[in-house]
Protein backbone atom coordinates (compact mmCIF):
# COMPACT_ATOMS: atom_id res chain seq x y z
CA UNK A 1 31.89 167.73 0.62
CA UNK A 2 34.76 168.49 3.05
CA UNK A 3 38.10 166.74 2.54
CA UNK A 4 41.48 166.64 4.26
CA UNK A 5 44.34 167.06 1.79
CA UNK A 6 47.95 166.33 2.70
CA UNK A 7 50.34 168.87 1.14
CA UNK A 8 54.11 169.36 1.25
CA UNK A 9 55.25 172.93 0.63
CA UNK A 10 58.53 174.85 0.79
CA UNK A 11 57.68 177.85 2.95
CA UNK A 12 59.68 181.06 3.29
CA UNK A 13 59.32 182.46 6.82
CA UNK A 14 60.18 186.21 7.06
CA UNK A 15 62.68 187.22 9.73
CA UNK A 16 60.17 189.40 11.64
CA UNK A 17 58.16 186.23 12.48
CA UNK A 18 61.11 184.42 14.07
CA UNK A 19 60.22 185.89 17.50
CA UNK A 20 56.99 183.86 17.55
CA UNK A 21 56.81 180.15 18.40
CA UNK A 22 57.67 178.20 15.24
CA UNK A 23 54.31 176.40 14.89
CA UNK A 24 52.31 179.64 15.26
CA UNK A 25 54.49 181.52 12.77
CA UNK A 26 54.29 178.73 10.18
CA UNK A 27 50.53 178.27 10.64
CA UNK A 28 50.01 182.03 10.16
CA UNK A 29 52.04 182.02 6.95
CA UNK A 30 50.20 178.94 5.64
CA UNK A 31 46.85 180.59 6.37
CA UNK A 32 47.87 183.74 4.52
CA UNK A 33 48.96 181.64 1.52
CA UNK A 34 46.11 179.12 1.28
CA UNK A 35 43.07 180.24 3.33
CA UNK A 36 40.02 181.29 1.25
CA UNK A 37 41.81 180.53 -2.00
CA UNK A 38 40.84 178.16 -4.80
CA UNK A 39 43.66 175.69 -5.45
CA UNK A 40 43.80 173.82 -8.76
CA UNK A 41 42.50 170.23 -8.51
CA UNK A 42 41.63 170.68 -4.81
CA UNK A 43 38.95 173.43 -4.90
CA UNK A 44 38.43 175.88 -1.96
CA UNK A 45 40.67 175.89 1.12
CA UNK A 46 38.67 176.35 4.34
CA UNK A 47 41.30 175.91 7.08
CA UNK A 48 44.74 174.62 8.02
CA UNK A 49 43.88 171.44 9.95
CA UNK A 50 47.30 170.53 11.35
CA UNK A 51 51.02 170.63 10.67
CA UNK A 52 52.48 167.14 10.29
CA UNK A 53 56.20 167.92 10.05
CA UNK A 54 58.64 170.80 9.74
CA UNK A 55 61.98 169.88 8.14
CA UNK A 56 64.99 171.27 6.36
CA UNK A 57 65.53 174.78 7.64
CA UNK A 58 67.94 176.69 5.41
CA UNK A 59 68.73 180.31 4.56
CA UNK A 60 69.49 181.45 1.03
CA UNK A 61 72.55 183.70 0.66
CA UNK A 62 71.59 187.37 0.78
CA UNK A 63 68.14 186.61 2.24
CA UNK A 64 67.35 187.02 5.95
CA UNK A 65 64.36 184.68 5.87
CA UNK A 66 64.51 181.02 6.81
CA UNK A 67 62.98 178.43 4.49
CA UNK A 68 61.27 175.28 5.77
CA UNK A 69 59.83 172.19 4.13
CA UNK A 70 56.42 171.79 5.77
CA UNK A 71 53.98 168.88 5.52
CA UNK A 72 50.45 169.85 6.57
CA UNK A 73 46.78 169.06 6.03
CA UNK A 74 44.15 171.46 4.71
CA UNK A 75 40.37 171.24 5.03
CA UNK A 76 39.06 171.61 1.48
CA UNK A 77 35.50 172.23 0.28
CA UNK A 78 34.56 170.30 -2.84
CA UNK A 79 30.83 169.96 -3.57
CA UNK A 80 29.51 166.87 -5.33
CA UNK A 81 28.08 167.08 -8.84
CA UNK A 82 24.40 168.02 -8.45
CA UNK A 83 24.90 169.06 -4.80
CA UNK A 84 22.45 171.76 -3.66
CA UNK A 85 23.70 174.22 -1.06
CA UNK A 86 21.26 176.43 0.87
CA UNK A 87 22.53 179.54 2.63
CA UNK A 88 21.47 182.90 4.00
CA UNK A 89 23.20 186.08 2.89
CA UNK A 90 24.30 187.99 6.00
CA UNK A 91 26.02 190.92 4.40
CA UNK A 92 26.58 192.33 0.96
């Protein structure tokens, strides 16, 4: 039902986030990109589990943002075929 998926992504980090510690800034950007989204062939992203590596910082000409190659793991929700999920609706 819950899976860890290893993903490598090229992430653009805006210049206003460079004042934060690098891991916090990258985790925040990854959460805004992937959290609560359905990704093809992986299903629903629940959380960023950890960041494995941060490599290859470079800046494109004319762009003030730095770009990193990030390897990280996501917690994904993928129900089994025939799986029954019970829940209570808190708010509508």
